[in-house]
């Protein structure tokens, strides 16, 4: 059968090779074309047999699975590696992905897990090659939807957690998509504990930014469309890694590259940022054309906002880039909007009312409140904000490049303790 998935099994333990061969022998769409007892043998057999998938043990005596995977990337690039290990630590996962592995299985695993991983990596590689074929047939077609014009990137940030940042980011993207004529993407930039998927009731396996790490390390980004999930609202979503330890696989350079690709393919890109300062967050804020910075009528939120604005000034972010959004602006906590503006030394650009009933009810259902209760005042405030940012002009890429060197020096001094 031409559609059978050709698999090469690599493990230095004979019993394991035999067991895996028998397991896969029951699958009608999978064919074991060879077995290897070492990394060097695996590379030699892969070059000769051209398997679709290589099941690679990470610990072997002569050449370990990571070194063998790196060689396979150069000598047999069409083979997708599924790494196997008895150790599931984040460091093993990170090193495997950086070497080029497409999947990581922790022993012992079930036959269902094994076959599902093989089929998934094979499907991804087949889809990638089909896109290469289409691109070669029509090189001038492009992949943008707006005549090559770069879209606007909006980062939703707050220097303090608990102010509704993710809720605003999700509903802002949905509201922007409802305006019509805009291709909108939503990226969960909170790579450790992202909640975008929860708020949109999206939880697919193997569909997140971490799956792109091998391509990003290789300087490619051909599979992005495979990992964008189309929500019923029309928003295309890129989720955060499914587990916190995988966040370290996504570097600042990776985040920047993904955002630029999203910018090229969409009219508007909304990025939900974490409430912490690190290299990745700074890369997102640098890349953004507009930073919507949320605060609430709380002393701690106001204090953190004042500190952030000082940092933003040092980083070269002007008032045209950083917009202040006061969430729950009608809360009766004894602090007035005028007091907030006096404390931070800046006018609030946008306000969103408090509507705990609509917001919490929608959140627990996994439906954005803009869809479930569009007539509510909180939804109308979000719509006004979406209308404002959808018309924002993207920054000049050349001008952004000119600022990069000066910002780098500022970052180094600001975060030298890292």
Protein backbone atom coordinates (compact mmCIF):
# COMPACT_ATOMS: atom_id res chain seq x y z
CA UNK A 1 0.00 0.00 0.00
CA UNK A 2 1.37 3.39 -0.98
CA UNK A 3 -0.34 5.12 1.95
CA UNK A 4 1.22 2.96 4.64
CA UNK A 5 3.44 4.83 7.09
CA UNK A 6 6.99 3.45 6.96
CA UNK A 7 8.53 3.27 10.44
CA UNK A 8 12.11 2.63 11.56
CA UNK A 9 12.50 1.49 15.20
CA UNK A 10 15.69 2.48 17.03
CA UNK A 11 16.44 1.09 20.51
CA UNK A 12 19.49 -0.62 21.99
CA UNK A 13 17.34 -3.17 23.89
CA UNK A 14 16.32 -6.14 21.68
CA UNK A 15 13.18 -6.88 23.71
CA UNK A 16 11.95 -3.30 23.22
CA UNK A 17 12.54 -3.42 19.47
CA UNK A 18 10.68 -6.72 19.24
CA UNK A 19 7.78 -5.47 21.39
CA UNK A 20 7.35 -2.28 19.34
CA UNK A 21 7.50 -4.22 16.09
CA UNK A 22 4.74 -6.56 17.25
CA UNK A 23 2.56 -3.67 18.46
CA UNK A 24 2.83 -1.85 15.14
CA UNK A 25 2.30 -5.08 13.21
CA UNK A 26 -1.38 -4.97 14.14
CA UNK A 27 -1.87 -1.59 12.44
CA UNK A 28 -2.99 -1.82 8.82
CA UNK A 29 -1.69 1.63 7.88
CA UNK A 30 1.76 1.25 9.49
CA UNK A 31 4.69 -0.81 8.20
CA UNK A 32 7.91 -1.44 10.14
CA UNK A 33 10.61 -1.23 7.46
CA UNK A 34 13.59 -1.74 9.76
CA UNK A 35 15.07 -1.85 13.26
CA UNK A 36 18.34 -0.41 14.53
CA UNK A 37 20.28 -0.97 17.75
CA UNK A 38 22.27 2.28 17.79
CA UNK A 39 22.21 5.88 16.65
CA UNK A 40 24.84 5.33 13.96
CA UNK A 41 22.96 2.30 12.63
CA UNK A 42 19.74 4.34 12.64
CA UNK A 43 21.24 7.07 10.46
CA UNK A 44 22.64 4.52 7.98
CA UNK A 45 19.35 2.63 7.73
CA UNK A 46 17.29 5.80 7.43
CA UNK A 47 19.37 6.97 4.47
CA UNK A 48 18.85 3.60 2.78
CA UNK A 49 15.21 2.91 3.71
CA UNK A 50 13.77 6.47 3.69
CA UNK A 51 11.22 5.88 6.48
CA UNK A 52 8.41 8.33 7.15
CA UNK A 53 8.78 8.09 10.93
CA UNK A 54 11.71 7.09 13.14
CA UNK A 55 10.95 5.84 16.67
CA UNK A 56 14.14 6.90 18.45
CA UNK A 57 15.25 5.97 21.96
CA UNK A 58 17.02 8.91 23.59
CA UNK A 59 19.60 6.90 25.58
CA UNK A 60 21.93 4.64 23.59
CA UNK A 61 25.59 3.75 24.19
CA UNK A 62 27.46 4.81 21.04
CA UNK A 63 25.39 7.74 19.73
CA UNK A 64 22.39 8.94 21.68
CA UNK A 65 19.02 9.73 20.14
CA UNK A 66 19.56 13.49 20.18
CA UNK A 67 22.81 13.31 18.19
CA UNK A 68 21.23 10.82 15.79
CA UNK A 69 18.21 13.09 15.31
CA UNK A 70 20.47 16.01 14.43
CA UNK A 71 22.21 13.89 11.79
CA UNK A 72 18.89 12.68 10.40
CA UNK A 73 17.75 16.27 9.93
CA UNK A 74 20.63 16.76 7.49
CA UNK A 75 20.83 13.33 5.83
CA UNK A 76 17.18 12.23 5.80
CA UNK A 77 15.07 15.39 6.27
CA UNK A 78 11.81 13.71 5.24
CA UNK A 79 11.90 11.39 8.27
CA UNK A 80 9.98 12.65 11.31
CA UNK A 81 11.47 11.59 14.64
CA UNK A 82 9.35 10.47 17.61
CA UNK A 83 11.67 10.47 20.62
CA UNK A 84 11.22 7.86 23.37
CA UNK A 85 12.59 8.14 26.90
CA UNK A 86 12.00 6.80 30.39
CA UNK A 87 12.73 10.33 31.65
CA UNK A 88 10.10 13.00 31.13
CA UNK A 89 12.01 16.00 32.48
CA UNK A 90 11.66 19.30 30.66
CA UNK A 91 15.36 19.35 29.74
CA UNK A 92 15.05 16.09 27.79
CA UNK A 93 11.96 17.42 26.01
CA UNK A 94 13.65 20.72 25.19
CA UNK A 95 16.84 19.11 23.84
CA UNK A 96 14.82 16.64 21.77
CA UNK A 97 12.70 19.36 20.17
CA UNK A 98 15.72 21.54 19.45
CA UNK A 99 17.42 18.58 17.75
CA UNK A 100 14.42 18.24 15.44
CA UNK A 101 12.14 15.65 17.07
CA UNK A 102 8.46 16.08 16.25
CA UNK A 103 7.04 14.22 19.24
CA UNK A 104 8.18 12.98 22.67
CA UNK A 105 6.87 9.81 24.34
CA UNK A 106 7.64 8.91 27.94
CA UNK A 107 8.03 5.17 28.59
CA UNK A 108 5.97 3.22 29.36
CA UNK A 109 3.34 4.39 26.87
CA UNK A 110 0.23 2.67 25.57
CA UNK A 111 -0.18 1.32 22.06
CA UNK A 112 -2.81 4.00 21.43
CA UNK A 113 -0.36 6.75 22.40
CA UNK A 114 2.30 5.24 20.18
CA UNK A 115 0.15 4.87 17.06
CA UNK A 116 -1.49 8.28 17.56
CA UNK A 117 1.93 9.96 17.73
CA UNK A 118 3.14 8.19 14.59
CA UNK A 119 0.04 9.16 12.62
CA UNK A 120 0.11 12.76 13.83
CA UNK A 121 3.73 13.46 12.89
CA UNK A 122 3.27 11.69 9.55
CA UNK A 123 0.15 13.76 8.78
CA UNK A 124 1.95 16.99 9.65
CA UNK A 125 4.89 16.17 7.40
CA UNK A 126 2.60 15.17 4.53
CA UNK A 127 0.62 18.42 4.88
CA UNK A 128 3.85 20.41 4.94
CA UNK A 129 5.11 18.77 1.75
CA UNK A 130 1.78 19.38 0.01
CA UNK A 131 2.05 23.08 0.83
CA UNK A 132 5.56 23.13 -0.67
CA UNK A 133 4.12 21.62 -3.85
CA UNK A 134 1.35 24.22 -4.04
CA UNK A 135 3.81 27.05 -3.37
CA UNK A 136 6.11 25.81 -6.11
CA UNK A 137 3.22 25.66 -8.58
CA UNK A 138 2.11 29.22 -7.79
CA UNK A 139 5.07 31.19 -6.39
CA UNK A 140 3.43 34.55 -6.84
CA UNK A 141 0.21 33.72 -5.03
CA UNK A 142 1.35 34.89 -1.57
CA UNK A 143 -0.38 33.94 1.67
CA UNK A 144 -1.71 37.25 2.90
CA UNK A 145 -5.29 38.43 2.60
CA UNK A 146 -4.63 42.12 2.37
CA UNK A 147 -2.56 42.75 -0.77
CA UNK A 148 0.77 42.31 0.98
CA UNK A 149 0.16 45.08 3.52
CA UNK A 150 1.33 44.07 7.01
CA UNK A 151 -1.37 43.88 9.66
CA UNK A 152 -1.51 45.64 13.00
CA UNK A 153 -0.18 43.85 16.09
CA UNK A 154 -1.87 44.73 19.38
CA UNK A 155 -0.34 43.45 22.63
CA UNK A 156 -2.71 43.29 25.61
CA UNK A 157 -0.58 43.68 28.73
CA UNK A 158 -0.88 44.47 32.40
CA UNK A 159 1.90 44.83 34.99
CA UNK A 160 -0.45 43.20 37.51
CA UNK A 161 -2.46 40.02 37.28
CA UNK A 162 -6.15 39.74 38.03
CA UNK A 163 -7.30 42.80 36.10
CA UNK A 164 -9.07 40.88 33.31
CA UNK A 165 -6.32 40.98 30.70
CA UNK A 166 -7.09 37.65 28.99
CA UNK A 167 -10.84 38.27 29.08
CA UNK A 168 -10.35 41.61 27.37
CA UNK A 169 -7.91 40.17 24.80
CA UNK A 170 -10.27 37.33 23.83
CA UNK A 171 -13.37 39.50 23.55
CA UNK A 172 -11.42 42.23 21.76
CA UNK A 173 -10.39 39.74 19.07
CA UNK A 174 -13.95 38.43 18.71
CA UNK A 175 -15.35 41.98 18.52
CA UNK A 176 -12.76 42.97 15.90
CA UNK A 177 -13.69 39.94 13.78
CA UNK A 178 -17.36 40.98 13.96
CA UNK A 179 -16.58 44.30 12.30
CA UNK A 180 -16.19 42.50 8.97
CA UNK A 181 -13.48 42.75 6.38
CA UNK A 182 -10.74 41.95 8.88
CA UNK A 183 -8.74 38.75 9.15
CA UNK A 184 -8.06 38.50 12.90
CA UNK A 185 -5.60 36.27 14.76
CA UNK A 186 -5.34 35.78 18.52
CA UNK A 187 -2.09 34.51 20.02
CA UNK A 188 -1.76 33.33 23.63
CA UNK A 189 1.58 34.83 24.65
CA UNK A 190 1.32 33.62 28.25
CA UNK A 191 3.34 30.52 27.46
CA UNK A 192 3.41 29.03 30.97
CA UNK A 193 -0.19 29.45 32.10
CA UNK A 194 -2.19 30.61 29.09
CA UNK A 195 -5.99 30.73 29.45
CA UNK A 196 -7.09 31.75 25.96
CA UNK A 197 -8.08 28.18 25.12
CA UNK A 198 -10.23 27.93 28.26
CA UNK A 199 -12.11 31.14 27.53
CA UNK A 200 -12.83 29.99 23.97
CA UNK A 201 -13.52 26.36 24.92
CA UNK A 202 -10.63 25.18 22.76
CA UNK A 203 -8.43 22.34 23.96
CA UNK A 204 -7.16 20.31 21.00
CA UNK A 205 -4.16 18.04 21.46
CA UNK A 206 -0.90 18.90 19.71
CA UNK A 207 -2.09 22.30 18.51
CA UNK A 208 -0.04 25.03 20.14
CA UNK A 209 2.97 27.23 19.51
CA UNK A 210 5.32 24.66 21.07
CA UNK A 211 4.74 22.33 18.13
CA UNK A 212 6.48 24.92 15.95
CA UNK A 213 9.69 24.94 18.03
CA UNK A 214 11.66 22.56 15.75
CA UNK A 215 10.81 24.60 12.66
CA UNK A 216 11.63 27.84 14.43
CA UNK A 217 15.02 26.50 15.46
CA UNK A 218 15.66 25.55 11.84
CA UNK A 219 14.71 29.04 10.69
CA UNK A 220 11.49 27.86 9.04
CA UNK A 221 7.84 28.48 9.76
CA UNK A 222 5.94 26.50 7.18
CA UNK A 223 3.47 24.67 9.44
CA UNK A 224 1.94 27.66 11.23
CA UNK A 225 -1.44 27.35 9.50
CA UNK A 226 -1.73 23.76 10.78
CA UNK A 227 -1.66 24.98 14.38
CA UNK A 228 -4.02 27.93 14.05
CA UNK A 229 -7.47 26.93 15.30
CA UNK A 230 -10.46 28.53 13.64
CA UNK A 231 -12.99 29.66 16.26
CA UNK A 232 -16.67 29.97 15.36
CA UNK A 233 -16.37 33.76 15.71
CA UNK A 234 -13.98 33.87 12.77
CA UNK A 235 -10.86 34.43 14.89
CA UNK A 236 -7.86 32.21 14.20
CA UNK A 237 -6.20 31.19 17.47
CA UNK A 238 -2.66 30.11 18.35
CA UNK A 239 -2.66 28.52 21.79
CA UNK A 240 0.04 28.46 24.47
CA UNK A 241 1.87 25.20 25.29
CA UNK A 242 -0.35 22.68 27.12
CA UNK A 243 2.03 22.34 30.09
CA UNK A 244 4.15 24.96 31.92
CA UNK A 245 7.50 23.19 31.46
CA UNK A 246 7.15 23.42 27.68
CA UNK A 247 7.16 27.23 27.82
CA UNK A 248 10.96 27.31 27.81
CA UNK A 249 10.93 25.78 24.34
CA UNK A 250 9.52 29.08 23.02
CA UNK A 251 12.21 31.76 23.05
CA UNK A 252 11.94 35.51 22.53
CA UNK A 253 13.22 35.10 18.96
CA UNK A 254 10.58 32.43 18.32
CA UNK A 255 7.78 34.65 19.59
CA UNK A 256 8.95 37.56 17.43
CA UNK A 257 9.15 35.38 14.33
CA UNK A 258 5.67 33.93 14.87
CA UNK A 259 4.13 37.37 15.39
CA UNK A 260 5.75 38.72 12.23
CA UNK A 261 4.36 35.78 10.26
CA UNK A 262 0.90 36.35 11.76
CA UNK A 263 1.20 40.03 10.87
CA UNK A 264 1.94 39.11 7.26
CA UNK A 265 -1.11 36.84 7.02
CA UNK A 266 -3.69 38.85 9.00
CA UNK A 267 -5.09 42.36 9.22
CA UNK A 268 -5.11 42.37 13.01
CA UNK A 269 -3.12 40.27 15.49
CA UNK A 270 -4.07 40.35 19.19
CA UNK A 271 -1.45 38.96 21.60
CA UNK A 272 -2.38 38.18 25.21
CA UNK A 273 0.81 38.82 27.22
CA UNK A 274 1.71 37.53 30.68
CA UNK A 275 1.90 39.98 33.60
CA UNK A 276 5.62 39.38 34.08
CA UNK A 277 8.63 41.05 32.52
CA UNK A 278 11.04 38.71 30.78
CA UNK A 279 12.84 38.52 27.45
CA UNK A 280 9.86 36.96 25.67
CA UNK A 281 7.36 39.54 26.97
CA UNK A 282 9.70 42.35 25.92
CA UNK A 283 10.05 40.82 22.46
CA UNK A 284 6.25 40.81 22.10
CA UNK A 285 5.91 44.40 23.31
CA UNK A 286 8.71 45.54 21.00
CA UNK A 287 7.10 43.85 18.00
CA UNK A 288 3.64 45.25 18.73
CA UNK A 289 2.37 48.38 17.02
CA UNK A 290 0.07 49.08 19.94
CA UNK A 291 0.25 48.07 23.61
CA UNK A 292 -3.09 48.11 25.43
CA UNK A 293 -2.11 48.27 29.09
CA UNK A 294 -4.85 47.33 31.54
CA UNK A 295 -5.30 48.65 35.06
CA UNK A 296 -8.11 48.66 37.58
CA UNK A 297 -9.25 50.90 40.45
CA UNK A 298 -6.89 49.28 42.96
CA UNK A 299 -3.87 50.81 44.67
CA UNK A 300 -1.57 47.93 43.68
CA UNK A 301 -2.65 48.12 40.06
CA UNK A 302 -2.11 51.88 39.94
CA UNK A 303 1.32 51.55 41.56
CA UNK A 304 2.42 48.88 39.08
CA UNK A 305 1.12 50.94 36.17
CA UNK A 306 3.16 53.92 37.29
CA UNK A 307 6.28 51.75 37.36
CA UNK A 308 5.53 50.23 33.96
CA UNK A 309 5.10 53.62 32.33
CA UNK A 310 8.58 54.61 33.53
CA UNK A 311 10.02 51.42 32.02
CA UNK A 312 8.08 51.97 28.80
CA UNK A 313 9.56 55.45 28.50
CA UNK A 314 13.08 54.06 28.93
CA UNK A 315 12.36 51.47 26.25
CA UNK A 316 11.30 54.18 23.82
CA UNK A 317 7.56 53.40 23.83
CA UNK A 318 5.73 56.67 23.21
CA UNK A 319 2.15 57.58 24.20
CA UNK A 320 1.03 56.70 20.66
CA UNK A 321 2.13 53.10 21.27
CA UNK A 322 1.05 52.59 24.88
CA UNK A 323 -2.68 53.10 25.46
CA UNK A 324 -4.18 52.88 28.92
CA UNK A 325 -7.36 50.85 29.38
CA UNK A 326 -9.18 51.12 32.70
CA UNK A 327 -11.13 47.92 33.31
CA UNK A 328 -14.08 47.78 35.72
CA UNK A 329 -14.06 51.57 35.51
CA UNK A 330 -17.40 51.99 37.30
CA UNK A 331 -16.40 50.03 40.40
CA UNK A 332 -17.28 51.87 43.62
CA UNK A 333 -14.04 51.40 45.51
CA UNK A 334 -13.48 54.96 46.65
CA UNK A 335 -10.92 55.66 43.90
CA UNK A 336 -12.01 57.94 41.08
CA UNK A 337 -10.73 57.90 37.51
CA UNK A 338 -9.38 61.41 38.05
CA UNK A 339 -7.36 60.11 41.01
CA UNK A 340 -5.88 57.36 38.84
CA UNK A 341 -4.89 59.80 36.11
CA UNK A 342 -3.33 62.18 38.63
CA UNK A 343 -1.35 59.34 40.22
CA UNK A 344 0.09 57.96 36.98
CA UNK A 345 0.46 61.31 35.27
CA UNK A 346 -1.50 60.31 32.17
CA UNK A 347 -5.02 60.30 30.86
CA UNK A 348 -6.86 56.99 30.54
CA UNK A 349 -7.49 56.30 26.85
CA UNK A 350 -10.31 53.74 27.10
CA UNK A 351 -12.66 52.51 29.83
CA UNK A 352 -14.58 49.24 30.23
CA UNK A 353 -17.40 48.93 32.73
CA UNK A 354 -17.72 46.16 35.29
CA UNK A 355 -20.27 43.42 34.62
CA UNK A 356 -19.37 40.47 36.77
CA UNK A 357 -22.58 38.58 36.05
CA UNK A 358 -22.19 38.56 32.25
CA UNK A 359 -18.42 38.10 32.30
CA UNK A 360 -18.23 35.23 34.80
CA UNK A 361 -21.21 33.41 33.28
CA UNK A 362 -19.64 33.60 29.83
CA UNK A 363 -16.21 32.61 31.12
CA UNK A 364 -17.51 29.48 32.82
CA UNK A 365 -19.30 28.43 29.62
CA UNK A 366 -16.25 29.00 27.44
CA UNK A 367 -18.16 31.56 25.35
CA UNK A 368 -16.91 35.18 25.02
CA UNK A 369 -19.39 37.57 26.61
CA UNK A 370 -19.33 39.64 23.41
CA UNK A 371 -21.09 36.71 21.73
CA UNK A 372 -23.38 35.64 24.57
CA UNK A 373 -24.55 39.13 25.60
CA UNK A 374 -23.67 41.59 22.88
CA UNK A 375 -26.15 44.22 24.04
CA UNK A 376 -24.54 44.54 27.48
CA UNK A 377 -22.64 47.74 28.22
CA UNK A 378 -19.39 45.80 28.74
CA UNK A 379 -19.74 44.37 25.22
CA UNK A 380 -20.37 47.82 23.77
CA UNK A 381 -17.24 49.12 25.49
CA UNK A 382 -15.23 46.25 23.99
CA UNK A 383 -16.72 47.00 20.57
CA UNK A 384 -15.65 50.65 20.82
CA UNK A 385 -12.15 49.54 21.78
CA UNK A 386 -12.04 47.06 18.87
CA UNK A 387 -13.15 49.78 16.46
CA UNK A 388 -10.36 52.03 17.73
CA UNK A 389 -7.56 49.46 17.47
CA UNK A 390 -8.73 47.95 14.17
CA UNK A 391 -8.09 51.28 12.53
CA UNK A 392 -4.67 51.75 14.13
CA UNK A 393 -1.83 52.16 11.63
CA UNK A 394 0.91 49.54 11.84
CA UNK A 395 4.38 50.77 12.66
CA UNK A 396 6.88 51.27 9.87
CA UNK A 397 9.04 48.12 9.84
CA UNK A 398 12.10 50.10 8.78
CA UNK A 399 11.64 52.58 11.60
CA UNK A 400 11.19 49.71 14.06
CA UNK A 401 14.47 48.20 12.88
CA UNK A 402 16.25 51.53 13.39
CA UNK A 403 15.08 51.60 17.03
CA UNK A 404 16.20 48.04 17.79
CA UNK A 405 19.79 48.84 18.67
CA UNK A 406 18.92 51.66 21.06
CA UNK A 407 16.24 49.54 22.74
CA UNK A 408 18.68 46.66 23.18
CA UNK A 409 20.98 48.85 25.25
CA UNK A 410 18.08 50.03 27.38
CA UNK A 411 16.90 46.46 28.00
CA UNK A 412 20.35 45.32 29.00
CA UNK A 413 20.57 47.92 31.73
CA UNK A 414 16.95 47.49 32.86
CA UNK A 415 17.17 43.73 33.20
CA UNK A 416 20.86 43.20 33.91
CA UNK A 417 19.95 41.21 37.03
CA UNK A 418 18.70 38.41 34.80
